[in-house]
Amino acid sequence: MLKSDLKPATRKWAIALIILNLLRIGTPFIAYFQAQYQIVTPLIPRTIVLDIIEPYMITGLVSLFLTVLAFMFFVYSKYTFSIITGLLNLGSAQLHIMYLHYYG
């Protein structure tokens, strides 16, 4: 295979990973707003909700940064770096969520 044959395939993978990462970014923020609207009782302080959601928000912000970085690589036609950054983003976010679930 020539190098020019790989470029369309890597471009498609980069686009797919950027879209997956954009979908992945929304989940912590949606969970935060959903918790805000569902917990309206005065018996549960707002700080407890923030303490529960905070690690997921940090994961979302790190994912946002890595997605922007992957998109910048994509814009400058560095599709391989975009794919690596996208995979790193998905993997690290999932590992962080698993760590919080078992040890947090």
N, C-alpha and C. Protein backbone atom coordinates (compact mmCIF):
# COMPACT_ATOMS: atom_id res chain seq x y z
N MET A 1 0.83 -1.18 0.00
CA MET A 1 0.00 0.00 0.00
C MET A 1 0.87 1.24 0.00
N LEU A 2 0.49 2.16 -0.80
CA LEU A 2 1.19 3.42 -0.83
C LEU A 2 0.70 4.33 0.30
N LYS A 3 1.52 5.30 0.60
CA LYS A 3 1.16 6.22 1.67
C LYS A 3 -0.10 7.01 1.33
N SER A 4 -0.30 7.30 0.04
CA SER A 4 -1.48 8.06 -0.37
C SER A 4 -2.76 7.23 -0.24
N ASP A 5 -2.65 5.89 -0.27
CA ASP A 5 -3.82 5.03 -0.09
C ASP A 5 -4.31 5.03 1.35
N LEU A 6 -3.42 5.25 2.29
CA LEU A 6 -3.80 5.23 3.70
C LEU A 6 -4.46 6.52 4.16
N LYS A 7 -4.23 7.61 3.47
CA LYS A 7 -4.72 8.90 3.93
C LYS A 7 -6.24 8.98 4.03
N PRO A 8 -7.02 8.52 3.03
CA PRO A 8 -8.49 8.59 3.20
C PRO A 8 -9.00 7.72 4.35
N ALA A 9 -8.37 6.58 4.55
CA ALA A 9 -8.81 5.71 5.65
C ALA A 9 -8.51 6.34 7.00
N THR A 10 -7.32 6.89 7.16
CA THR A 10 -6.99 7.53 8.43
C THR A 10 -7.83 8.78 8.66
N ARG A 11 -8.19 9.45 7.59
CA ARG A 11 -9.05 10.64 7.73
C ARG A 11 -10.43 10.22 8.23
N LYS A 12 -10.96 9.12 7.72
CA LYS A 12 -12.27 8.64 8.17
C LYS A 12 -12.23 8.20 9.63
N TRP A 13 -11.16 7.52 10.03
CA TRP A 13 -11.03 7.11 11.42
C TRP A 13 -10.90 8.32 12.34
N ALA A 14 -10.17 9.33 11.90
CA ALA A 14 -10.02 10.53 12.71
C ALA A 14 -11.36 11.23 12.90
N ILE A 15 -12.14 11.32 11.82
CA ILE A 15 -13.47 11.94 11.93
C ILE A 15 -14.36 11.15 12.88
N ALA A 16 -14.34 9.82 12.75
CA ALA A 16 -15.18 8.98 13.61
C ALA A 16 -14.80 9.14 15.07
N LEU A 17 -13.50 9.19 15.36
CA LEU A 17 -13.08 9.33 16.75
C LEU A 17 -13.40 10.71 17.30
N ILE A 18 -13.29 11.73 16.49
CA ILE A 18 -13.65 13.07 16.96
C ILE A 18 -15.14 13.13 17.28
N ILE A 19 -15.97 12.52 16.45
CA ILE A 19 -17.41 12.49 16.72
C ILE A 19 -17.71 11.70 18.00
N LEU A 20 -17.06 10.55 18.17
CA LEU A 20 -17.25 9.77 19.40
C LEU A 20 -16.82 10.56 20.64
N ASN A 21 -15.71 11.27 20.52
CA ASN A 21 -15.24 12.06 21.65
C ASN A 21 -16.18 13.22 21.95
N LEU A 22 -16.75 13.83 20.93
CA LEU A 22 -17.72 14.90 21.16
C LEU A 22 -18.96 14.37 21.88
N LEU A 23 -19.39 13.18 21.51
CA LEU A 23 -20.52 12.57 22.22
C LEU A 23 -20.13 12.23 23.65
N ARG A 24 -18.92 11.79 23.84
CA ARG A 24 -18.43 11.42 25.18
C ARG A 24 -18.31 12.63 26.09
N ILE A 25 -18.00 13.78 25.53
CA ILE A 25 -17.84 14.99 26.34
C ILE A 25 -19.17 15.41 26.97
N GLY A 26 -20.25 15.21 26.26
CA GLY A 26 -21.55 15.69 26.74
C GLY A 26 -22.08 14.98 27.96
N THR A 27 -21.70 13.73 28.17
CA THR A 27 -22.31 12.96 29.25
C THR A 27 -22.08 13.51 30.66
N PRO A 28 -20.88 13.96 31.05
CA PRO A 28 -20.76 14.49 32.42
C PRO A 28 -21.55 15.78 32.62
N PHE A 29 -21.61 16.59 31.59
CA PHE A 29 -22.33 17.86 31.72
C PHE A 29 -23.83 17.63 31.76
N ILE A 30 -24.31 16.67 30.98
CA ILE A 30 -25.73 16.33 31.03
C ILE A 30 -26.08 15.74 32.39
N ALA A 31 -25.21 14.90 32.93
CA ALA A 31 -25.45 14.32 34.26
C ALA A 31 -25.50 15.40 35.33
N TYR A 32 -24.65 16.40 35.21
CA TYR A 32 -24.64 17.49 36.18
C TYR A 32 -25.97 18.25 36.16
N PHE A 33 -26.42 18.64 34.97
CA PHE A 33 -27.67 19.39 34.89
C PHE A 33 -28.87 18.53 35.26
N GLN A 34 -28.82 17.26 34.95
CA GLN A 34 -29.90 16.37 35.32
C GLN A 34 -29.97 16.24 36.84
N ALA A 35 -28.83 16.12 37.51
CA ALA A 35 -28.82 16.03 38.97
C ALA A 35 -29.30 17.33 39.59
N GLN A 36 -28.96 18.45 38.99
CA GLN A 36 -29.42 19.75 39.50
C GLN A 36 -30.94 19.84 39.48
N TYR A 37 -31.55 19.37 38.42
CA TYR A 37 -32.99 19.48 38.28
C TYR A 37 -33.75 18.39 39.05
N GLN A 38 -33.14 17.25 39.26
CA GLN A 38 -33.83 16.17 39.94
C GLN A 38 -33.80 16.30 41.45
N ILE A 39 -32.73 16.86 41.97
CA ILE A 39 -32.59 16.97 43.42
C ILE A 39 -33.00 18.39 43.81
N VAL A 40 -34.26 18.53 44.12
CA VAL A 40 -34.80 19.85 44.46
C VAL A 40 -35.24 19.92 45.92
N THR A 41 -34.99 18.88 46.67
CA THR A 41 -35.40 18.86 48.06
C THR A 41 -34.42 19.67 48.91
N PRO A 42 -34.91 20.40 49.89
CA PRO A 42 -34.00 21.16 50.76
C PRO A 42 -33.23 20.27 51.74
N LEU A 43 -33.59 19.00 51.83
CA LEU A 43 -32.90 18.10 52.75
C LEU A 43 -31.51 17.69 52.24
N ILE A 44 -31.31 17.73 50.94
CA ILE A 44 -30.02 17.38 50.34
C ILE A 44 -29.31 18.67 49.95
N PRO A 45 -28.20 18.98 50.61
CA PRO A 45 -27.49 20.22 50.27
C PRO A 45 -26.89 20.17 48.87
N ARG A 46 -26.73 21.33 48.29
CA ARG A 46 -26.17 21.45 46.95
C ARG A 46 -24.71 20.98 46.90
N THR A 47 -24.01 21.11 48.01
CA THR A 47 -22.60 20.71 48.04
C THR A 47 -22.43 19.20 47.87
N ILE A 48 -23.40 18.43 48.33
CA ILE A 48 -23.32 16.98 48.17
C ILE A 48 -23.42 16.62 46.69
N VAL A 49 -24.32 17.28 45.99
CA VAL A 49 -24.46 17.04 44.56
C VAL A 49 -23.16 17.40 43.85
N LEU A 50 -22.57 18.53 44.22
CA LEU A 50 -21.32 18.95 43.59
C LEU A 50 -20.18 17.99 43.93
N ASP A 51 -20.15 17.47 45.14
CA ASP A 51 -19.12 16.50 45.50
C ASP A 51 -19.25 15.20 44.71
N ILE A 52 -20.48 14.80 44.42
CA ILE A 52 -20.69 13.58 43.66
C ILE A 52 -20.32 13.77 42.19
N ILE A 53 -20.67 14.91 41.63
CA ILE A 53 -20.50 15.15 40.20
C ILE A 53 -19.09 15.65 39.86
N GLU A 54 -18.37 16.22 40.81
CA GLU A 54 -17.08 16.86 40.54
C GLU A 54 -16.07 15.98 39.79
N PRO A 55 -15.83 14.73 40.19
CA PRO A 55 -14.85 13.93 39.43
C PRO A 55 -15.25 13.71 37.97
N TYR A 56 -16.53 13.58 37.73
CA TYR A 56 -16.99 13.39 36.36
C TYR A 56 -16.84 14.67 35.54
N MET A 57 -17.01 15.81 36.19
CA MET A 57 -16.82 17.08 35.50
C MET A 57 -15.33 17.27 35.13
N ILE A 58 -14.45 16.87 36.02
CA ILE A 58 -13.02 16.96 35.72
C ILE A 58 -12.68 16.06 34.54
N THR A 59 -13.25 14.85 34.52
CA THR A 59 -13.04 13.95 33.38
C THR A 59 -13.56 14.58 32.10
N GLY A 60 -14.71 15.25 32.18
CA GLY A 60 -15.28 15.91 31.01
C GLY A 60 -14.41 17.04 30.50
N LEU A 61 -13.81 17.81 31.42
CA LEU A 61 -12.94 18.91 31.00
C LEU A 61 -11.65 18.40 30.37
N VAL A 62 -11.09 17.33 30.92
CA VAL A 62 -9.88 16.74 30.31
C VAL A 62 -10.22 16.18 28.94
N SER A 63 -11.39 15.53 28.82
CA SER A 63 -11.82 15.01 27.52
C SER A 63 -12.04 16.14 26.52
N LEU A 64 -12.57 17.26 27.00
CA LEU A 64 -12.76 18.41 26.13
C LEU A 64 -11.42 18.91 25.59
N PHE A 65 -10.42 19.02 26.46
CA PHE A 65 -9.10 19.46 26.04
C PHE A 65 -8.49 18.51 25.01
N LEU A 66 -8.59 17.20 25.27
CA LEU A 66 -8.01 16.24 24.33
C LEU A 66 -8.77 16.20 23.02
N THR A 67 -10.07 16.43 23.04
CA THR A 67 -10.83 16.48 21.80
C THR A 67 -10.46 17.70 20.98
N VAL A 68 -10.27 18.83 21.63
CA VAL A 68 -9.82 20.03 20.91
C VAL A 68 -8.45 19.79 20.31
N LEU A 69 -7.57 19.12 21.04
CA LEU A 69 -6.25 18.80 20.53
C LEU A 69 -6.34 17.86 19.31
N ALA A 70 -7.21 16.85 19.41
CA ALA A 70 -7.39 15.94 18.27
C ALA A 70 -7.96 16.68 17.07
N PHE A 71 -8.88 17.61 17.32
CA PHE A 71 -9.45 18.39 16.22
C PHE A 71 -8.40 19.29 15.59
N MET A 72 -7.50 19.86 16.40
CA MET A 72 -6.44 20.69 15.84
C MET A 72 -5.50 19.85 14.98
N PHE A 73 -5.17 18.65 15.42
CA PHE A 73 -4.37 17.76 14.59
C PHE A 73 -5.08 17.45 13.28
N PHE A 74 -6.40 17.26 13.35
CA PHE A 74 -7.18 16.95 12.16
C PHE A 74 -7.17 18.12 11.19
N VAL A 75 -7.32 19.33 11.70
CA VAL A 75 -7.33 20.52 10.84
C VAL A 75 -6.00 20.68 10.12
N TYR A 76 -4.91 20.36 10.79
CA TYR A 76 -3.59 20.49 10.18
C TYR A 76 -3.15 19.22 9.45
N SER A 77 -4.10 18.35 9.14
CA SER A 77 -3.90 17.12 8.35
C SER A 77 -2.92 16.14 9.01
N LYS A 78 -2.87 16.12 10.30
CA LYS A 78 -2.07 15.14 11.03
C LYS A 78 -3.04 14.07 11.55
N TYR A 79 -3.55 13.26 10.62
CA TYR A 79 -4.62 12.33 10.94
C TYR A 79 -4.17 11.25 11.91
N THR A 80 -2.95 10.81 11.79
CA THR A 80 -2.46 9.76 12.70
C THR A 80 -2.40 10.27 14.13
N PHE A 81 -1.92 11.49 14.33
CA PHE A 81 -1.89 12.07 15.67
C PHE A 81 -3.30 12.31 16.19
N SER A 82 -4.20 12.65 15.30
CA SER A 82 -5.59 12.84 15.69
C SER A 82 -6.20 11.53 16.16
N ILE A 83 -5.90 10.45 15.48
CA ILE A 83 -6.41 9.13 15.87
C ILE A 83 -5.82 8.72 17.22
N ILE A 84 -4.53 8.92 17.40
CA ILE A 84 -3.88 8.55 18.66
C ILE A 84 -4.46 9.36 19.81
N THR A 85 -4.64 10.66 19.60
CA THR A 85 -5.21 11.50 20.65
C THR A 85 -6.65 11.10 20.95
N GLY A 86 -7.42 10.78 19.92
CA GLY A 86 -8.80 10.36 20.12
C GLY A 86 -8.91 9.06 20.89
N LEU A 87 -8.06 8.09 20.55
CA LEU A 87 -8.06 6.82 21.27
C LEU A 87 -7.59 7.00 22.70
N LEU A 88 -6.58 7.82 22.90
CA LEU A 88 -6.10 8.11 24.24
C LEU A 88 -7.20 8.76 25.07
N ASN A 89 -7.94 9.65 24.45
CA ASN A 89 -9.04 10.34 25.14
C ASN A 89 -10.11 9.34 25.57
N LEU A 90 -10.55 8.49 24.67
CA LEU A 90 -11.58 7.52 25.02
C LEU A 90 -11.10 6.55 26.08
N GLY A 91 -9.88 6.08 25.93
CA GLY A 91 -9.35 5.11 26.89
C GLY A 91 -9.12 5.71 28.26
N SER A 92 -8.55 6.90 28.32
CA SER A 92 -8.26 7.50 29.63
C SER A 92 -9.54 7.89 30.35
N ALA A 93 -10.53 8.37 29.63
CA ALA A 93 -11.80 8.72 30.27
C ALA A 93 -12.47 7.48 30.83
N GLN A 94 -12.45 6.40 30.08
CA GLN A 94 -13.08 5.17 30.55
C GLN A 94 -12.34 4.61 31.76
N LEU A 95 -11.01 4.64 31.74
CA LEU A 95 -10.24 4.16 32.89
C LEU A 95 -10.49 5.01 34.13
N HIS A 96 -10.62 6.31 33.95
CA HIS A 96 -10.87 7.18 35.09
C HIS A 96 -12.24 6.91 35.69
N ILE A 97 -13.25 6.70 34.85
CA ILE A 97 -14.58 6.39 35.35
C ILE A 97 -14.58 5.04 36.09
N MET A 98 -13.87 4.05 35.54
CA MET A 98 -13.79 2.75 36.21
C MET A 98 -13.07 2.88 37.55
N TYR A 99 -12.01 3.68 37.59
CA TYR A 99 -11.29 3.89 38.85
C TYR A 99 -12.19 4.54 39.88
N LEU A 100 -12.96 5.55 39.47
CA LEU A 100 -13.86 6.22 40.41
C LEU A 100 -14.94 5.26 40.89
N HIS A 101 -15.40 4.39 40.02
CA HIS A 101 -16.46 3.47 40.39
C HIS A 101 -15.99 2.45 41.44
N TYR A 102 -14.77 1.96 41.27
CA TYR A 102 -14.30 0.91 42.17
C TYR A 102 -13.57 1.44 43.39
N TYR A 103 -12.86 2.56 43.26
CA TYR A 103 -12.02 3.03 44.38
C TYR A 103 -12.43 4.39 44.90
N GLY A 104 -13.34 5.08 44.22
CA GLY A 104 -13.69 6.45 44.58
C GLY A 104 -14.70 6.52 45.64
